[in-house]
Amino acid sequence: MFRYARLCSVRGDQGKAIRSLLDRIADKWALLLIATLHDGPFRFTELEQRIPGISRRMLTLTLRNLERDGLVTRTTFAEVPPRVEYELTDLAQSLIPHAVALAEWAGEHVPVIEASRTAYDERF
């Protein structure tokens, strides 16, 4: 058995659960939202302003998916007009160091990866 076989077959579902979760977390908007909410909580419009390029629809969908996965909480305040805030859960907070480590790795290796891409593209 190879080194990470256990991760691929966890829960007896041939790794579907892990792939599904990694797809969600690795989504560019999800990571940007998680990073932004690390300084939160924030209201919808504040998030929209802090994440350039995200559409209202994509922001809504991403927040809903993160809430569904237990990474974001949505709190509605009984005010006029109603106020809604989004905040990271403890589960999402535990993801931050790993996401930062991945981002640091990427930042450190960008020149090597770009050189590799250029060399590959020149071959074809």
PDB file of N, CA and C in Angstrom:
ATOM      1  N   MET A   1       0.850  -1.182   0.000  1.00  0.00           N
ATOM      2  CA  MET A   1       0.000   0.000   0.000  1.00  0.00           C
ATOM      3  C   MET A   1       0.894   1.243   0.000  1.00  0.00           C
ATOM      4  N   PHE A   2       0.536   2.232  -0.818  1.00  0.00           N
ATOM      5  CA  PHE A   2       1.361   3.428  -0.882  1.00  0.00           C
ATOM      6  C   PHE A   2       1.113   4.318   0.327  1.00  0.00           C
ATOM      7  N   ARG A   3       1.981   5.282   0.537  1.00  0.00           N
ATOM      8  CA  ARG A   3       2.033   6.085   1.762  1.00  0.00           C
ATOM      9  C   ARG A   3       0.695   6.727   2.150  1.00  0.00           C
ATOM     10  N   TYR A   4      -0.045   7.284   1.194  1.00  0.00           N
ATOM     11  CA  TYR A   4      -1.256   8.033   1.520  1.00  0.00           C
ATOM     12  C   TYR A   4      -2.531   7.303   1.103  1.00  0.00           C
ATOM     13  N   ALA A   5      -2.447   6.017   0.960  1.00  0.00           N
ATOM     14  CA  ALA A   5      -3.609   5.228   0.540  1.00  0.00           C
ATOM     15  C   ALA A   5      -4.769   5.389   1.521  1.00  0.00           C
ATOM     16  N   ARG A   6      -4.456   5.498   2.794  1.00  0.00           N
ATOM     17  CA  ARG A   6      -5.496   5.641   3.818  1.00  0.00           C
ATOM     18  C   ARG A   6      -6.345   6.886   3.549  1.00  0.00           C
ATOM     19  N   LEU A   7      -5.709   7.966   3.128  1.00  0.00           N
ATOM     20  CA  LEU A   7      -6.454   9.196   2.852  1.00  0.00           C
ATOM     21  C   LEU A   7      -7.390   9.036   1.659  1.00  0.00           C
ATOM     22  N   CYS A   8      -6.990   8.221   0.704  1.00  0.00           N
ATOM     23  CA  CYS A   8      -7.800   8.042  -0.496  1.00  0.00           C
ATOM     24  C   CYS A   8      -8.994   7.129  -0.266  1.00  0.00           C
ATOM     25  N   SER A   9      -8.952   6.325   0.763  1.00  0.00           N
ATOM     26  CA  SER A   9     -10.046   5.376   0.978  1.00  0.00           C
ATOM     27  C   SER A   9     -10.755   5.578   2.309  1.00  0.00           C
ATOM     28  N   VAL A  10     -10.538   6.701   2.947  1.00  0.00           N
ATOM     29  CA  VAL A  10     -11.156   6.960   4.236  1.00  0.00           C
ATOM     30  C   VAL A  10     -12.674   6.896   4.121  1.00  0.00           C
ATOM     31  N   ARG A  11     -13.324   6.411   5.150  1.00  0.00           N
ATOM     32  CA  ARG A  11     -14.779   6.282   5.245  1.00  0.00           C
ATOM     33  C   ARG A  11     -15.357   5.270   4.256  1.00  0.00           C
ATOM     34  N   GLY A  12     -14.518   4.545   3.538  1.00  0.00           N
ATOM     35  CA  GLY A  12     -15.017   3.534   2.617  1.00  0.00           C
ATOM     36  C   GLY A  12     -15.697   4.109   1.388  1.00  0.00           C
ATOM     37  N   ASP A  13     -15.516   5.391   1.145  1.00  0.00           N
ATOM     38  CA  ASP A  13     -16.185   6.003  -0.013  1.00  0.00           C
ATOM     39  C   ASP A  13     -15.201   6.330  -1.134  1.00  0.00           C
ATOM     40  N   GLN A  14     -14.056   5.657  -1.151  1.00  0.00           N
ATOM     41  CA  GLN A  14     -13.013   5.866  -2.143  1.00  0.00           C
ATOM     42  C   GLN A  14     -12.533   7.317  -2.179  1.00  0.00           C
ATOM     43  N   GLY A  15     -12.586   7.992  -1.057  1.00  0.00           N
ATOM     44  CA  GLY A  15     -12.060   9.342  -0.958  1.00  0.00           C
ATOM     45  C   GLY A  15     -12.985  10.451  -1.426  1.00  0.00           C
ATOM     46  N   LYS A  16     -14.240  10.138  -1.725  1.00  0.00           N
ATOM     47  CA  LYS A  16     -15.172  11.163  -2.218  1.00  0.00           C
ATOM     48  C   LYS A  16     -15.352  12.301  -1.223  1.00  0.00           C
ATOM     49  N   ALA A  17     -15.462  11.984   0.048  1.00  0.00           N
ATOM     50  CA  ALA A  17     -15.687  13.020   1.063  1.00  0.00           C
ATOM     51  C   ALA A  17     -14.501  13.975   1.132  1.00  0.00           C
ATOM     52  N   ILE A  18     -13.310  13.427   1.113  1.00  0.00           N
ATOM     53  CA  ILE A  18     -12.115  14.273   1.181  1.00  0.00           C
ATOM     54  C   ILE A  18     -11.995  15.119  -0.072  1.00  0.00           C
ATOM     55  N   ARG A  19     -12.214  14.511  -1.248  1.00  0.00           N
ATOM     56  CA  ARG A  19     -12.126  15.289  -2.496  1.00  0.00           C
ATOM     57  C   ARG A  19     -13.150  16.410  -2.515  1.00  0.00           C
ATOM     58  N   SER A  20     -14.342  16.121  -2.046  1.00  0.00           N
ATOM     59  CA  SER A  20     -15.398  17.132  -2.015  1.00  0.00           C
ATOM     60  C   SER A  20     -14.998  18.301  -1.114  1.00  0.00           C
ATOM     61  N   LEU A  21     -14.475  17.996   0.051  1.00  0.00           N
ATOM     62  CA  LEU A  21     -14.063  19.044   0.981  1.00  0.00           C
ATOM     63  C   LEU A  21     -12.867  19.827   0.452  1.00  0.00           C
ATOM     64  N   LEU A  22     -11.901  19.132  -0.136  1.00  0.00           N
ATOM     65  CA  LEU A  22     -10.750  19.833  -0.705  1.00  0.00           C
ATOM     66  C   LEU A  22     -11.163  20.715  -1.877  1.00  0.00           C
ATOM     67  N   ASP A  23     -12.114  20.244  -2.688  1.00  0.00           N
ATOM     68  CA  ASP A  23     -12.636  21.091  -3.769  1.00  0.00           C
ATOM     69  C   ASP A  23     -13.215  22.379  -3.206  1.00  0.00           C
ATOM     70  N   ARG A  24     -13.947  22.280  -2.118  1.00  0.00           N
ATOM     71  CA  ARG A  24     -14.566  23.467  -1.514  1.00  0.00           C
ATOM     72  C   ARG A  24     -13.501  24.406  -0.943  1.00  0.00           C
ATOM     73  N   ILE A  25     -12.601  23.854  -0.164  1.00  0.00           N
ATOM     74  CA  ILE A  25     -11.601  24.677   0.511  1.00  0.00           C
ATOM     75  C   ILE A  25     -10.611  25.271  -0.491  1.00  0.00           C
ATOM     76  N   ALA A  26     -10.252  24.518  -1.512  1.00  0.00           N
ATOM     77  CA  ALA A  26      -9.256  24.975  -2.474  1.00  0.00           C
ATOM     78  C   ALA A  26      -9.819  25.954  -3.502  1.00  0.00           C
ATOM     79  N   ASP A  27     -11.114  26.157  -3.502  1.00  0.00           N
ATOM     80  CA  ASP A  27     -11.722  27.128  -4.395  1.00  0.00           C
ATOM     81  C   ASP A  27     -11.144  28.511  -4.090  1.00  0.00           C
ATOM     82  N   LYS A  28     -10.810  29.276  -5.136  1.00  0.00           N
ATOM     83  CA  LYS A  28     -10.145  30.567  -4.899  1.00  0.00           C
ATOM     84  C   LYS A  28     -10.998  31.518  -4.074  1.00  0.00           C
ATOM     85  N   TRP A  29     -12.296  31.538  -4.304  1.00  0.00           N
ATOM     86  CA  TRP A  29     -13.147  32.457  -3.544  1.00  0.00           C
ATOM     87  C   TRP A  29     -13.258  32.005  -2.095  1.00  0.00           C
ATOM     88  N   ALA A  30     -13.314  30.715  -1.864  1.00  0.00           N
ATOM     89  CA  ALA A  30     -13.419  30.215  -0.493  1.00  0.00           C
ATOM     90  C   ALA A  30     -12.183  30.591   0.312  1.00  0.00           C
ATOM     91  N   LEU A  31     -11.009  30.394  -0.270  1.00  0.00           N
ATOM     92  CA  LEU A  31      -9.777  30.745   0.450  1.00  0.00           C
ATOM     93  C   LEU A  31      -9.694  32.239   0.703  1.00  0.00           C
ATOM     94  N   LEU A  32     -10.097  33.040  -0.279  1.00  0.00           N
ATOM     95  CA  LEU A  32     -10.085  34.490  -0.077  1.00  0.00           C
ATOM     96  C   LEU A  32     -11.070  34.904   1.012  1.00  0.00           C
ATOM     97  N   LEU A  33     -12.232  34.273   1.033  1.00  0.00           N
ATOM     98  CA  LEU A  33     -13.218  34.583   2.074  1.00  0.00           C
ATOM     99  C   LEU A  33     -12.716  34.162   3.448  1.00  0.00           C
ATOM    100  N   ILE A  34     -12.150  32.981   3.530  1.00  0.00           N
ATOM    101  CA  ILE A  34     -11.626  32.509   4.816  1.00  0.00           C
ATOM    102  C   ILE A  34     -10.520  33.446   5.305  1.00  0.00           C
ATOM    103  N   ALA A  35      -9.627  33.833   4.409  1.00  0.00           N
ATOM    104  CA  ALA A  35      -8.550  34.753   4.791  1.00  0.00           C
ATOM    105  C   ALA A  35      -9.110  36.106   5.224  1.00  0.00           C
ATOM    106  N   THR A  36     -10.109  36.594   4.510  1.00  0.00           N
ATOM    107  CA  THR A  36     -10.709  37.889   4.844  1.00  0.00           C
ATOM    108  C   THR A  36     -11.437  37.819   6.175  1.00  0.00           C
ATOM    109  N   LEU A  37     -12.194  36.761   6.377  1.00  0.00           N
ATOM    110  CA  LEU A  37     -12.953  36.614   7.621  1.00  0.00           C
ATOM    111  C   LEU A  37     -12.054  36.362   8.828  1.00  0.00           C
ATOM    112  N   HIS A  38     -10.795  36.041   8.580  1.00  0.00           N
ATOM    113  CA  HIS A  38      -9.856  35.869   9.687  1.00  0.00           C
ATOM    114  C   HIS A  38      -9.749  37.166  10.485  1.00  0.00           C
ATOM    115  N   ASP A  39      -9.997  38.302   9.829  1.00  0.00           N
ATOM    116  CA  ASP A  39      -9.998  39.608  10.492  1.00  0.00           C
ATOM    117  C   ASP A  39     -11.413  40.045  10.866  1.00  0.00           C
ATOM    118  N   GLY A  40     -12.416  39.166  10.702  1.00  0.00           N
ATOM    119  CA  GLY A  40     -13.836  39.495  10.849  1.00  0.00           C
ATOM    120  C   GLY A  40     -14.298  39.545  12.273  1.00  0.00           C
ATOM    121  N   PRO A  41     -15.599  39.586  12.490  1.00  0.00           N
ATOM    122  CA  PRO A  41     -16.678  39.333  11.523  1.00  0.00           C
ATOM    123  C   PRO A  41     -16.933  40.527  10.607  1.00  0.00           C
ATOM    124  N   PHE A  42     -17.589  40.221   9.462  1.00  0.00           N
ATOM    125  CA  PHE A  42     -17.908  41.251   8.485  1.00  0.00           C
ATOM    126  C   PHE A  42     -19.320  41.076   7.967  1.00  0.00           C
ATOM    127  N   ARG A  43     -19.858  42.184   7.511  1.00  0.00           N
ATOM    128  CA  ARG A  43     -21.146  42.171   6.832  1.00  0.00           C
ATOM    129  C   ARG A  43     -20.907  41.850   5.361  1.00  0.00           C
ATOM    130  N   PHE A  44     -21.990  41.472   4.671  1.00  0.00           N
ATOM    131  CA  PHE A  44     -21.914  41.074   3.276  1.00  0.00           C
ATOM    132  C   PHE A  44     -21.232  42.153   2.428  1.00  0.00           C
ATOM    133  N   THR A  45     -21.691  43.390   2.559  1.00  0.00           N
ATOM    134  CA  THR A  45     -21.135  44.467   1.724  1.00  0.00           C
ATOM    135  C   THR A  45     -19.664  44.733   2.047  1.00  0.00           C
ATOM    136  N   GLU A  46     -19.275  44.543   3.296  1.00  0.00           N
ATOM    137  CA  GLU A  46     -17.863  44.701   3.653  1.00  0.00           C
ATOM    138  C   GLU A  46     -17.020  43.627   2.974  1.00  0.00           C
ATOM    139  N   LEU A  47     -17.536  42.403   2.953  1.00  0.00           N
ATOM    140  CA  LEU A  47     -16.821  41.320   2.281  1.00  0.00           C
ATOM    141  C   LEU A  47     -16.714  41.601   0.786  1.00  0.00           C
ATOM    142  N   GLU A  48     -17.803  42.069   0.222  1.00  0.00           N
ATOM    143  CA  GLU A  48     -17.831  42.396  -1.206  1.00  0.00           C
ATOM    144  C   GLU A  48     -16.772  43.452  -1.545  1.00  0.00           C
ATOM    145  N   GLN A  49     -16.611  44.430  -0.681  1.00  0.00           N
ATOM    146  CA  GLN A  49     -15.628  45.494  -0.901  1.00  0.00           C
ATOM    147  C   GLN A  49     -14.198  45.015  -0.699  1.00  0.00           C
ATOM    148  N   ARG A  50     -14.006  44.069   0.196  1.00  0.00           N
ATOM    149  CA  ARG A  50     -12.658  43.608   0.525  1.00  0.00           C
ATOM    150  C   ARG A  50     -12.126  42.550  -0.445  1.00  0.00           C
ATOM    151  N   ILE A  51     -13.020  41.961  -1.250  1.00  0.00           N
ATOM    152  CA  ILE A  51     -12.591  40.906  -2.175  1.00  0.00           C
ATOM    153  C   ILE A  51     -12.852  41.379  -3.606  1.00  0.00           C
ATOM    154  N   PRO A  52     -11.878  42.029  -4.213  1.00  0.00           N
ATOM    155  CA  PRO A  52     -12.062  42.555  -5.566  1.00  0.00           C
ATOM    156  C   PRO A  52     -12.359  41.442  -6.569  1.00  0.00           C
ATOM    157  N   GLY A  53     -13.305  41.707  -7.445  1.00  0.00           N
ATOM    158  CA  GLY A  53     -13.593  40.770  -8.527  1.00  0.00           C
ATOM    159  C   GLY A  53     -14.668  39.747  -8.227  1.00  0.00           C
ATOM    160  N   ILE A  54     -15.078  39.606  -6.979  1.00  0.00           N
ATOM    161  CA  ILE A  54     -16.106  38.617  -6.655  1.00  0.00           C
ATOM    162  C   ILE A  54     -17.477  39.226  -6.935  1.00  0.00           C
ATOM    163  N   SER A  55     -18.311  38.466  -7.605  1.00  0.00           N
ATOM    164  CA  SER A  55     -19.663  38.949  -7.881  1.00  0.00           C
ATOM    165  C   SER A  55     -20.536  38.710  -6.650  1.00  0.00           C
ATOM    166  N   ARG A  56     -21.651  39.412  -6.585  1.00  0.00           N
ATOM    167  CA  ARG A  56     -22.580  39.226  -5.463  1.00  0.00           C
ATOM    168  C   ARG A  56     -23.072  37.782  -5.424  1.00  0.00           C
ATOM    169  N   ARG A  57     -23.351  37.232  -6.596  1.00  0.00           N
ATOM    170  CA  ARG A  57     -23.838  35.839  -6.669  1.00  0.00           C
ATOM    171  C   ARG A  57     -22.780  34.864  -6.158  1.00  0.00           C
ATOM    172  N   MET A  58     -21.535  35.037  -6.604  1.00  0.00           N
ATOM    173  CA  MET A  58     -20.468  34.123  -6.167  1.00  0.00           C
ATOM    174  C   MET A  58     -20.199  34.276  -4.678  1.00  0.00           C
ATOM    175  N   LEU A  59     -20.270  35.498  -4.169  1.00  0.00           N
ATOM    176  CA  LEU A  59     -20.092  35.722  -2.744  1.00  0.00           C
ATOM    177  C   LEU A  59     -21.190  35.012  -1.960  1.00  0.00           C
ATOM    178  N   THR A  60     -22.418  35.149  -2.413  1.00  0.00           N
ATOM    179  CA  THR A  60     -23.547  34.485  -1.753  1.00  0.00           C
ATOM    180  C   THR A  60     -23.382  32.975  -1.766  1.00  0.00           C
ATOM    181  N   LEU A  61     -23.077  32.407  -2.935  1.00  0.00           N
ATOM    182  CA  LEU A  61     -22.924  30.950  -3.049  1.00  0.00           C
ATOM    183  C   LEU A  61     -21.772  30.433  -2.185  1.00  0.00           C
ATOM    184  N   THR A  62     -20.672  31.148  -2.208  1.00  0.00           N
ATOM    185  CA  THR A  62     -19.509  30.699  -1.439  1.00  0.00           C
ATOM    186  C   THR A  62     -19.784  30.773   0.059  1.00  0.00           C
ATOM    187  N   LEU A  63     -20.411  31.846   0.506  1.00  0.00           N
ATOM    188  CA  LEU A  63     -20.766  31.955   1.926  1.00  0.00           C
ATOM    189  C   LEU A  63     -21.715  30.841   2.338  1.00  0.00           C
ATOM    190  N   ARG A  64     -22.704  30.559   1.510  1.00  0.00           N
ATOM    191  CA  ARG A  64     -23.651  29.469   1.828  1.00  0.00           C
ATOM    192  C   ARG A  64     -22.944  28.130   1.924  1.00  0.00           C
ATOM    193  N   ASN A  65     -22.048  27.857   0.973  1.00  0.00           N
ATOM    194  CA  ASN A  65     -21.330  26.583   0.998  1.00  0.00           C
ATOM    195  C   ASN A  65     -20.411  26.477   2.209  1.00  0.00           C
ATOM    196  N   LEU A  66     -19.739  27.562   2.556  1.00  0.00           N
ATOM    197  CA  LEU A  66     -18.872  27.542   3.736  1.00  0.00           C
ATOM    198  C   LEU A  66     -19.689  27.394   5.018  1.00  0.00           C
ATOM    199  N   GLU A  67     -20.867  28.003   5.036  1.00  0.00           N
ATOM    200  CA  GLU A  67     -21.747  27.845   6.193  1.00  0.00           C
ATOM    201  C   GLU A  67     -22.234  26.401   6.285  1.00  0.00           C
ATOM    202  N   ARG A  68     -22.598  25.828   5.157  1.00  0.00           N
ATOM    203  CA  ARG A  68     -23.062  24.439   5.123  1.00  0.00           C
ATOM    204  C   ARG A  68     -21.997  23.477   5.641  1.00  0.00           C
ATOM    205  N   ASP A  69     -20.741  23.765   5.304  1.00  0.00           N
ATOM    206  CA  ASP A  69     -19.632  22.907   5.729  1.00  0.00           C
ATOM    207  C   ASP A  69     -19.172  23.179   7.152  1.00  0.00           C
ATOM    208  N   GLY A  70     -19.792  24.161   7.812  1.00  0.00           N
ATOM    209  CA  GLY A  70     -19.442  24.450   9.200  1.00  0.00           C
ATOM    210  C   GLY A  70     -18.214  25.323   9.358  1.00  0.00           C
ATOM    211  N   LEU A  71     -17.830  26.046   8.295  1.00  0.00           N
ATOM    212  CA  LEU A  71     -16.644  26.884   8.358  1.00  0.00           C
ATOM    213  C   LEU A  71     -16.978  28.346   8.630  1.00  0.00           C
ATOM    214  N   VAL A  72     -18.213  28.736   8.363  1.00  0.00           N
ATOM    215  CA  VAL A  72     -18.662  30.117   8.555  1.00  0.00           C
ATOM    216  C   VAL A  72     -19.990  30.101   9.294  1.00  0.00           C
ATOM    217  N   THR A  73     -20.169  31.054  10.192  1.00  0.00           N
ATOM    218  CA  THR A  73     -21.476  31.243  10.823  1.00  0.00           C
ATOM    219  C   THR A  73     -22.080  32.540  10.309  1.00  0.00           C
ATOM    220  N   ARG A  74     -23.385  32.520  10.202  1.00  0.00           N
ATOM    221  CA  ARG A  74     -24.155  33.691   9.753  1.00  0.00           C
ATOM    222  C   ARG A  74     -25.038  34.098  10.921  1.00  0.00           C
ATOM    223  N   THR A  75     -24.866  35.323  11.386  1.00  0.00           N
ATOM    224  CA  THR A  75     -25.638  35.821  12.518  1.00  0.00           C
ATOM    225  C   THR A  75     -26.507  36.975  12.050  1.00  0.00           C
ATOM    226  N   THR A  76     -27.809  36.857  12.299  1.00  0.00           N
ATOM    227  CA  THR A  76     -28.759  37.911  11.946  1.00  0.00           C
ATOM    228  C   THR A  76     -29.143  38.644  13.221  1.00  0.00           C
ATOM    229  N   PHE A  77     -29.055  39.968  13.178  1.00  0.00           N
ATOM    230  CA  PHE A  77     -29.392  40.795  14.327  1.00  0.00           C
ATOM    231  C   PHE A  77     -30.768  41.414  14.099  1.00  0.00           C
ATOM    232  N   ALA A  78     -31.594  41.392  15.127  1.00  0.00           N
ATOM    233  CA  ALA A  78     -32.956  41.919  15.041  1.00  0.00           C
ATOM    234  C   ALA A  78     -32.927  43.438  15.149  1.00  0.00           C
ATOM    235  N   GLU A  79     -32.568  44.057  14.056  1.00  0.00           N
ATOM    236  CA  GLU A  79     -32.494  45.511  13.987  1.00  0.00           C
ATOM    237  C   GLU A  79     -33.248  45.977  12.748  1.00  0.00           C
ATOM    238  N   VAL A  80     -33.472  47.273  12.668  1.00  0.00           N
ATOM    239  CA  VAL A  80     -34.083  47.840  11.468  1.00  0.00           C
ATOM    240  C   VAL A  80     -33.105  48.848  10.898  1.00  0.00           C
ATOM    241  N   PRO A  81     -32.584  48.622   9.699  1.00  0.00           N
ATOM    242  CA  PRO A  81     -32.747  47.421   8.872  1.00  0.00           C
ATOM    243  C   PRO A  81     -31.972  46.246   9.467  1.00  0.00           C
ATOM    244  N   PRO A  82     -32.352  45.020   9.076  1.00  0.00           N
ATOM    245  CA  PRO A  82     -31.671  43.835   9.622  1.00  0.00           C
ATOM    246  C   PRO A  82     -30.183  43.863   9.296  1.00  0.00           C
ATOM    247  N   ARG A  83     -29.395  43.417  10.241  1.00  0.00           N
ATOM    248  CA  ARG A  83     -27.943  43.350  10.060  1.00  0.00           C
ATOM    249  C   ARG A  83     -27.535  41.890  10.107  1.00  0.00           C
ATOM    250  N   VAL A  84     -26.706  41.485   9.149  1.00  0.00           N
ATOM    251  CA  VAL A  84     -26.211  40.115   9.078  1.00  0.00           C
ATOM    252  C   VAL A  84     -24.691  40.160   9.053  1.00  0.00           C
ATOM    253  N   GLU A  85     -24.063  39.341   9.886  1.00  0.00           N
ATOM    254  CA  GLU A  85     -22.609  39.255   9.918  1.00  0.00           C
ATOM    255  C   GLU A  85     -22.165  37.815   9.699  1.00  0.00           C
ATOM    256  N   TYR A  86     -21.009  37.689   9.073  1.00  0.00           N
ATOM    257  CA  TYR A  86     -20.402  36.385   8.819  1.00  0.00           C
ATOM    258  C   TYR A  86     -19.092  36.316   9.578  1.00  0.00           C
ATOM    259  N   GLU A  87     -18.825  35.117  10.112  1.00  0.00           N
ATOM    260  CA  GLU A  87     -17.646  34.945  10.956  1.00  0.00           C
ATOM    261  C   GLU A  87     -17.134  33.517  10.808  1.00  0.00           C
ATOM    262  N   LEU A  88     -15.829  33.337  10.953  1.00  0.00           N
ATOM    263  CA  LEU A  88     -15.246  31.998  10.900  1.00  0.00           C
ATOM    264  C   LEU A  88     -15.599  31.210  12.156  1.00  0.00           C
ATOM    265  N   THR A  89     -15.818  29.928  11.979  1.00  0.00           N
ATOM    266  CA  THR A  89     -16.021  29.037  13.125  1.00  0.00           C
ATOM    267  C   THR A  89     -14.647  28.607  13.652  1.00  0.00           C
ATOM    268  N   ASP A  90     -14.658  27.925  14.782  1.00  0.00           N
ATOM    269  CA  ASP A  90     -13.407  27.388  15.323  1.00  0.00           C
ATOM    270  C   ASP A  90     -12.779  26.406  14.338  1.00  0.00           C
ATOM    271  N   LEU A  91     -13.622  25.656  13.634  1.00  0.00           N
ATOM    272  CA  LEU A  91     -13.121  24.706  12.634  1.00  0.00           C
ATOM    273  C   LEU A  91     -12.337  25.440  11.550  1.00  0.00           C
ATOM    274  N   ALA A  92     -12.883  26.529  11.046  1.00  0.00           N
ATOM    275  CA  ALA A  92     -12.192  27.308  10.015  1.00  0.00           C
ATOM    276  C   ALA A  92     -10.936  27.962  10.576  1.00  0.00           C
ATOM    277  N   GLN A  93     -10.993  28.399  11.831  1.00  0.00           N
ATOM    278  CA  GLN A  93      -9.805  28.988  12.459  1.00  0.00           C
ATOM    279  C   GLN A  93      -8.656  27.977  12.479  1.00  0.00           C
ATOM    280  N   SER A  94      -8.997  26.696  12.669  1.00  0.00           N
ATOM    281  CA  SER A  94      -7.954  25.665  12.701  1.00  0.00           C
ATOM    282  C   SER A  94      -7.352  25.426  11.316  1.00  0.00           C
ATOM    283  N   LEU A  95      -8.040  25.865  10.270  1.00  0.00           N
ATOM    284  CA  LEU A  95      -7.538  25.731   8.903  1.00  0.00           C
ATOM    285  C   LEU A  95      -6.517  26.818   8.557  1.00  0.00           C
ATOM    286  N   ILE A  96      -6.607  27.973   9.208  1.00  0.00           N
ATOM    287  CA  ILE A  96      -5.780  29.137   8.865  1.00  0.00           C
ATOM    288  C   ILE A  96      -4.282  28.818   8.802  1.00  0.00           C
ATOM    289  N   PRO A  97      -3.688  28.184   9.815  1.00  0.00           N
ATOM    290  CA  PRO A  97      -2.240  27.937   9.731  1.00  0.00           C
ATOM    291  C   PRO A  97      -1.844  27.076   8.534  1.00  0.00           C
ATOM    292  N   HIS A  98      -2.701  26.137   8.177  1.00  0.00           N
ATOM    293  CA  HIS A  98      -2.401  25.254   7.048  1.00  0.00           C
ATOM    294  C   HIS A  98      -2.536  26.010   5.721  1.00  0.00           C
ATOM    295  N   ALA A  99      -3.541  26.849   5.620  1.00  0.00           N
ATOM    296  CA  ALA A  99      -3.724  27.654   4.407  1.00  0.00           C
ATOM    297  C   ALA A  99      -2.571  28.644   4.250  1.00  0.00           C
ATOM    298  N   VAL A 100      -2.148  29.249   5.350  1.00  0.00           N
ATOM    299  CA  VAL A 100      -1.024  30.195   5.310  1.00  0.00           C
ATOM    300  C   VAL A 100       0.251  29.461   4.898  1.00  0.00           C
ATOM    301  N   ALA A 101       0.461  28.270   5.445  1.00  0.00           N
ATOM    302  CA  ALA A 101       1.651  27.492   5.080  1.00  0.00           C
ATOM    303  C   ALA A 101       1.651  27.174   3.583  1.00  0.00           C
ATOM    304  N   LEU A 102       0.505  26.818   3.047  1.00  0.00           N
ATOM    305  CA  LEU A 102       0.405  26.533   1.620  1.00  0.00           C
ATOM    306  C   LEU A 102       0.668  27.794   0.801  1.00  0.00           C
ATOM    307  N   ALA A 103       0.097  28.917   1.221  1.00  0.00           N
ATOM    308  CA  ALA A 103       0.321  30.184   0.515  1.00  0.00           C
ATOM    309  C   ALA A 103       1.796  30.586   0.570  1.00  0.00           C
ATOM    310  N   GLU A 104       2.436  30.387   1.722  1.00  0.00           N
ATOM    311  CA  GLU A 104       3.860  30.707   1.847  1.00  0.00           C
ATOM    312  C   GLU A 104       4.701  29.814   0.945  1.00  0.00           C
ATOM    313  N   TRP A 105       4.354  28.537   0.886  1.00  0.00           N
ATOM    314  CA  TRP A 105       5.059  27.616  -0.003  1.00  0.00           C
ATOM    315  C   TRP A 105       4.919  28.082  -1.447  1.00  0.00           C
ATOM    316  N   ALA A 106       3.698  28.439  -1.843  1.00  0.00           N
ATOM    317  CA  ALA A 106       3.454  28.903  -3.212  1.00  0.00           C
ATOM    318  C   ALA A 106       4.258  30.169  -3.497  1.00  0.00           C
ATOM    319  N   GLY A 107       4.225  31.122  -2.571  1.00  0.00           N
ATOM    320  CA  GLY A 107       4.966  32.360  -2.762  1.00  0.00           C
ATOM    321  C   GLY A 107       6.459  32.126  -2.897  1.00  0.00           C
ATOM    322  N   GLU A 108       6.967  31.215  -2.121  1.00  0.00           N
ATOM    323  CA  GLU A 108       8.396  30.903  -2.143  1.00  0.00           C
ATOM    324  C   GLU A 108       8.811  30.246  -3.457  1.00  0.00           C
ATOM    325  N   HIS A 109       7.910  29.480  -4.059  1.00  0.00           N
ATOM    326  CA  HIS A 109       8.263  28.692  -5.245  1.00  0.00           C
ATOM    327  C   HIS A 109       7.717  29.246  -6.562  1.00  0.00           C
ATOM    328  N   VAL A 110       7.093  30.415  -6.532  1.00  0.00           N
ATOM    329  CA  VAL A 110       6.541  31.006  -7.757  1.00  0.00           C
ATOM    330  C   VAL A 110       7.592  31.117  -8.867  1.00  0.00           C
ATOM    331  N   PRO A 111       8.792  31.644  -8.598  1.00  0.00           N
ATOM    332  CA  PRO A 111       9.765  31.769  -9.697  1.00  0.00           C
ATOM    333  C   PRO A 111      10.108  30.426 -10.351  1.00  0.00           C
ATOM    334  N   VAL A 112      10.277  29.392  -9.545  1.00  0.00           N
ATOM    335  CA  VAL A 112      10.622  28.074 -10.080  1.00  0.00           C
ATOM    336  C   VAL A 112       9.456  27.521 -10.909  1.00  0.00           C
ATOM    337  N   ILE A 113       8.248  27.672 -10.409  1.00  0.00           N
ATOM    338  CA  ILE A 113       7.069  27.167 -11.115  1.00  0.00           C
ATOM    339  C   ILE A 113       6.857  27.935 -12.421  1.00  0.00           C
ATOM    340  N   GLU A 114       7.017  29.254 -12.391  1.00  0.00           N
ATOM    341  CA  GLU A 114       6.866  30.048 -13.613  1.00  0.00           C
ATOM    342  C   GLU A 114       7.931  29.671 -14.642  1.00  0.00           C
ATOM    343  N   ALA A 115       9.156  29.448 -14.205  1.00  0.00           N
ATOM    344  CA  ALA A 115      10.220  29.028 -15.125  1.00  0.00           C
ATOM    345  C   ALA A 115       9.892  27.667 -15.732  1.00  0.00           C
ATOM    346  N   SER A 116       9.360  26.776 -14.919  1.00  0.00           N
ATOM    347  CA  SER A 116       8.976  25.455 -15.408  1.00  0.00           C
ATOM    348  C   SER A 116       7.845  25.563 -16.428  1.00  0.00           C
ATOM    349  N   ARG A 117       6.874  26.404 -16.159  1.00  0.00           N
ATOM    350  CA  ARG A 117       5.766  26.604 -17.095  1.00  0.00           C
ATOM    351  C   ARG A 117       6.266  27.174 -18.424  1.00  0.00           C
ATOM    352  N   THR A 118       7.162  28.153 -18.340  1.00  0.00           N
ATOM    353  CA  THR A 118       7.719  28.763 -19.552  1.00  0.00           C
ATOM    354  C   THR A 118       8.463  27.718 -20.371  1.00  0.00           C
ATOM    355  N   ALA A 119       9.302  26.921 -19.722  1.00  0.00           N
ATOM    356  CA  ALA A 119      10.059  25.883 -20.403  1.00  0.00           C
ATOM    357  C   ALA A 119       9.113  24.864 -21.047  1.00  0.00           C
ATOM    358  N   TYR A 120       8.076  24.490 -20.340  1.00  0.00           N
ATOM    359  CA  TYR A 120       7.101  23.530 -20.878  1.00  0.00           C
ATOM    360  C   TYR A 120       6.395  24.117 -22.093  1.00  0.00           C
ATOM    361  N   ASP A 121       5.921  25.349 -21.972  1.00  0.00           N
ATOM    362  CA  ASP A 121       5.187  25.994 -23.068  1.00  0.00           C
ATOM    363  C   ASP A 121       6.051  26.170 -24.308  1.00  0.00           C
ATOM    364  N   GLU A 122       7.337  26.422 -24.113  1.00  0.00           N
ATOM    365  CA  GLU A 122       8.244  26.574 -25.249  1.00  0.00           C
ATOM    366  C   GLU A 122       8.468  25.265 -25.990  1.00  0.00           C
ATOM    367  N   ARG A 123       8.319  24.142 -25.314  1.00  0.00           N
ATOM    368  CA  ARG A 123       8.475  22.832 -25.961  1.00  0.00           C
ATOM    369  C   ARG A 123       7.300  22.533 -26.869  1.00  0.00           C
ATOM    370  N   PHE A 124       6.150  23.082 -26.579  1.00  0.00           N
ATOM    371  CA  PHE A 124       4.944  22.771 -27.347  1.00  0.00           C
ATOM    372  C   PHE A 124       4.514  23.996 -28.042  1.00  0.00           C
TER     373      PHE A 124
END
